[in-house]
Amino acid sequence: MASGPERGRIWSDDRADDRDLEPLLGAGQEPTTFALWYREWLADAVRKVEATR
């Protein structure tokens, strides 16, 4: 869990691939929060469902 200015942001843990922890970036390349990530994920899921209709 991060604190300070990084509090609330989602981090990508790619250490298994010999990379370091990095902030997960949103569509605009800004560090994302869980709320922003979830809204983007939900919008994408809705687009996929609507595309199958």
N, C-alpha and C. Protein backbone atom coordinates (compact mmCIF):
# COMPACT_ATOMS: atom_id res chain seq x y z
N MET A 1 0.84 -1.16 0.00
CA MET A 1 0.00 0.00 0.00
C MET A 1 0.90 1.23 0.00
N ALA A 2 0.58 2.17 -0.84
CA ALA A 2 1.36 3.41 -0.94
C ALA A 2 0.71 4.50 -0.09
N SER A 3 1.53 5.42 0.30
CA SER A 3 1.02 6.57 1.05
C SER A 3 1.58 7.84 0.42
N GLY A 4 1.22 8.97 0.97
CA GLY A 4 1.69 10.24 0.43
C GLY A 4 1.05 10.54 -0.91
N PRO A 5 1.78 11.16 -1.83
CA PRO A 5 1.19 11.55 -3.11
C PRO A 5 0.80 10.37 -3.99
N GLU A 6 1.31 9.17 -3.70
CA GLU A 6 0.97 7.98 -4.49
C GLU A 6 -0.25 7.24 -3.95
N ARG A 7 -0.80 7.71 -2.85
CA ARG A 7 -1.94 7.04 -2.23
C ARG A 7 -3.13 7.00 -3.20
N GLY A 8 -3.76 5.84 -3.29
CA GLY A 8 -4.95 5.67 -4.11
C GLY A 8 -4.66 5.27 -5.55
N ARG A 9 -3.41 5.22 -5.94
CA ARG A 9 -3.08 4.85 -7.31
C ARG A 9 -2.86 3.35 -7.41
N ILE A 10 -3.08 2.82 -8.62
CA ILE A 10 -2.88 1.40 -8.88
C ILE A 10 -1.48 1.23 -9.48
N TRP A 11 -0.79 0.20 -8.99
CA TRP A 11 0.55 -0.08 -9.47
C TRP A 11 0.58 -1.43 -10.18
N SER A 12 1.40 -1.53 -11.19
CA SER A 12 1.62 -2.77 -11.92
C SER A 12 2.87 -3.44 -11.37
N ASP A 13 2.75 -4.71 -10.97
CA ASP A 13 3.88 -5.45 -10.42
C ASP A 13 4.39 -6.43 -11.46
N ASP A 14 5.41 -6.01 -12.20
CA ASP A 14 5.98 -6.84 -13.26
C ASP A 14 7.32 -7.43 -12.86
N ARG A 15 7.55 -7.60 -11.56
CA ARG A 15 8.84 -8.13 -11.11
C ARG A 15 9.09 -9.54 -11.60
N ALA A 16 8.05 -10.31 -11.87
CA ALA A 16 8.24 -11.67 -12.39
C ALA A 16 8.82 -11.65 -13.80
N ASP A 17 8.68 -10.52 -14.49
CA ASP A 17 9.21 -10.36 -15.84
C ASP A 17 10.47 -9.50 -15.85
N ASP A 18 11.17 -9.46 -14.71
CA ASP A 18 12.40 -8.68 -14.56
C ASP A 18 12.18 -7.19 -14.79
N ARG A 19 11.01 -6.71 -14.44
CA ARG A 19 10.73 -5.28 -14.48
C ARG A 19 10.37 -4.87 -13.06
N ASP A 20 10.24 -3.60 -12.82
CA ASP A 20 9.98 -3.09 -11.48
C ASP A 20 8.50 -2.73 -11.34
N LEU A 21 8.17 -2.27 -10.16
CA LEU A 21 6.82 -1.73 -9.93
C LEU A 21 6.70 -0.42 -10.70
N GLU A 22 5.56 -0.26 -11.36
CA GLU A 22 5.31 0.97 -12.12
C GLU A 22 3.86 1.38 -11.91
N PRO A 23 3.59 2.69 -11.88
CA PRO A 23 2.19 3.10 -11.77
C PRO A 23 1.43 2.69 -13.03
N LEU A 24 0.23 2.18 -12.84
CA LEU A 24 -0.63 1.82 -13.97
C LEU A 24 -1.13 3.12 -14.58
N LEU A 25 -1.02 3.25 -15.90
CA LEU A 25 -1.41 4.49 -16.57
C LEU A 25 -2.76 4.35 -17.24
N GLY A 26 -3.54 5.41 -17.18
CA GLY A 26 -4.85 5.43 -17.81
C GLY A 26 -4.74 5.78 -19.29
N ALA A 27 -5.89 5.98 -19.91
CA ALA A 27 -5.95 6.26 -21.35
C ALA A 27 -5.17 7.52 -21.72
N GLY A 28 -5.14 8.50 -20.84
CA GLY A 28 -4.40 9.74 -21.10
C GLY A 28 -2.98 9.71 -20.58
N GLN A 29 -2.47 8.52 -20.26
CA GLN A 29 -1.11 8.31 -19.75
C GLN A 29 -0.87 8.92 -18.38
N GLU A 30 -1.94 9.15 -17.62
CA GLU A 30 -1.81 9.65 -16.25
C GLU A 30 -1.91 8.46 -15.30
N PRO A 31 -1.20 8.52 -14.16
CA PRO A 31 -1.37 7.44 -13.18
C PRO A 31 -2.85 7.32 -12.79
N THR A 32 -3.34 6.11 -12.74
CA THR A 32 -4.77 5.91 -12.54
C THR A 32 -5.11 5.49 -11.11
N THR A 33 -6.30 5.83 -10.71
CA THR A 33 -6.83 5.39 -9.43
C THR A 33 -7.74 4.19 -9.70
N PHE A 34 -8.13 3.50 -8.65
CA PHE A 34 -9.03 2.36 -8.84
C PHE A 34 -10.33 2.81 -9.50
N ALA A 35 -10.87 3.94 -9.07
CA ALA A 35 -12.15 4.43 -9.63
C ALA A 35 -12.02 4.69 -11.13
N LEU A 36 -10.94 5.33 -11.56
CA LEU A 36 -10.74 5.59 -12.98
C LEU A 36 -10.55 4.30 -13.75
N TRP A 37 -9.74 3.38 -13.20
CA TRP A 37 -9.52 2.10 -13.86
C TRP A 37 -10.82 1.34 -14.01
N TYR A 38 -11.63 1.31 -12.96
CA TYR A 38 -12.90 0.57 -13.00
C TYR A 38 -13.85 1.17 -14.03
N ARG A 39 -13.95 2.48 -14.08
CA ARG A 39 -14.84 3.11 -15.07
C ARG A 39 -14.39 2.80 -16.49
N GLU A 40 -13.07 2.83 -16.74
CA GLU A 40 -12.57 2.49 -18.08
C GLU A 40 -12.84 1.02 -18.40
N TRP A 41 -12.63 0.13 -17.43
CA TRP A 41 -12.89 -1.30 -17.63
C TRP A 41 -14.37 -1.53 -17.92
N LEU A 42 -15.24 -0.88 -17.16
CA LEU A 42 -16.67 -1.05 -17.34
C LEU A 42 -17.13 -0.52 -18.69
N ALA A 43 -16.63 0.64 -19.11
CA ALA A 43 -17.00 1.19 -20.42
C ALA A 43 -16.55 0.25 -21.53
N ASP A 44 -15.36 -0.34 -21.40
CA ASP A 44 -14.86 -1.28 -22.39
C ASP A 44 -15.72 -2.53 -22.44
N ALA A 45 -16.14 -3.04 -21.27
CA ALA A 45 -17.00 -4.21 -21.22
C ALA A 45 -18.35 -3.93 -21.88
N VAL A 46 -18.90 -2.76 -21.67
CA VAL A 46 -20.18 -2.40 -22.28
C VAL A 46 -20.02 -2.32 -23.80
N ARG A 47 -18.92 -1.72 -24.27
CA ARG A 47 -18.68 -1.64 -25.73
C ARG A 47 -18.59 -3.03 -26.34
N LYS A 48 -17.92 -3.95 -25.66
CA LYS A 48 -17.78 -5.32 -26.17
C LYS A 48 -19.13 -6.03 -26.25
N VAL A 49 -19.96 -5.84 -25.25
CA VAL A 49 -21.29 -6.47 -25.24
C VAL A 49 -22.14 -5.87 -26.36
N GLU A 50 -22.11 -4.55 -26.50
CA GLU A 50 -22.91 -3.90 -27.53
C GLU A 50 -22.44 -4.29 -28.94
N ALA A 51 -21.15 -4.57 -29.10
CA ALA A 51 -20.62 -4.98 -30.40
C ALA A 51 -21.11 -6.35 -30.82
N THR A 52 -21.53 -7.17 -29.85
CA THR A 52 -22.00 -8.52 -30.18
C THR A 52 -23.48 -8.54 -30.50
N ARG A 53 -24.15 -7.45 -30.35
CA ARG A 53 -25.60 -7.42 -30.60
C ARG A 53 -25.91 -7.30 -32.06
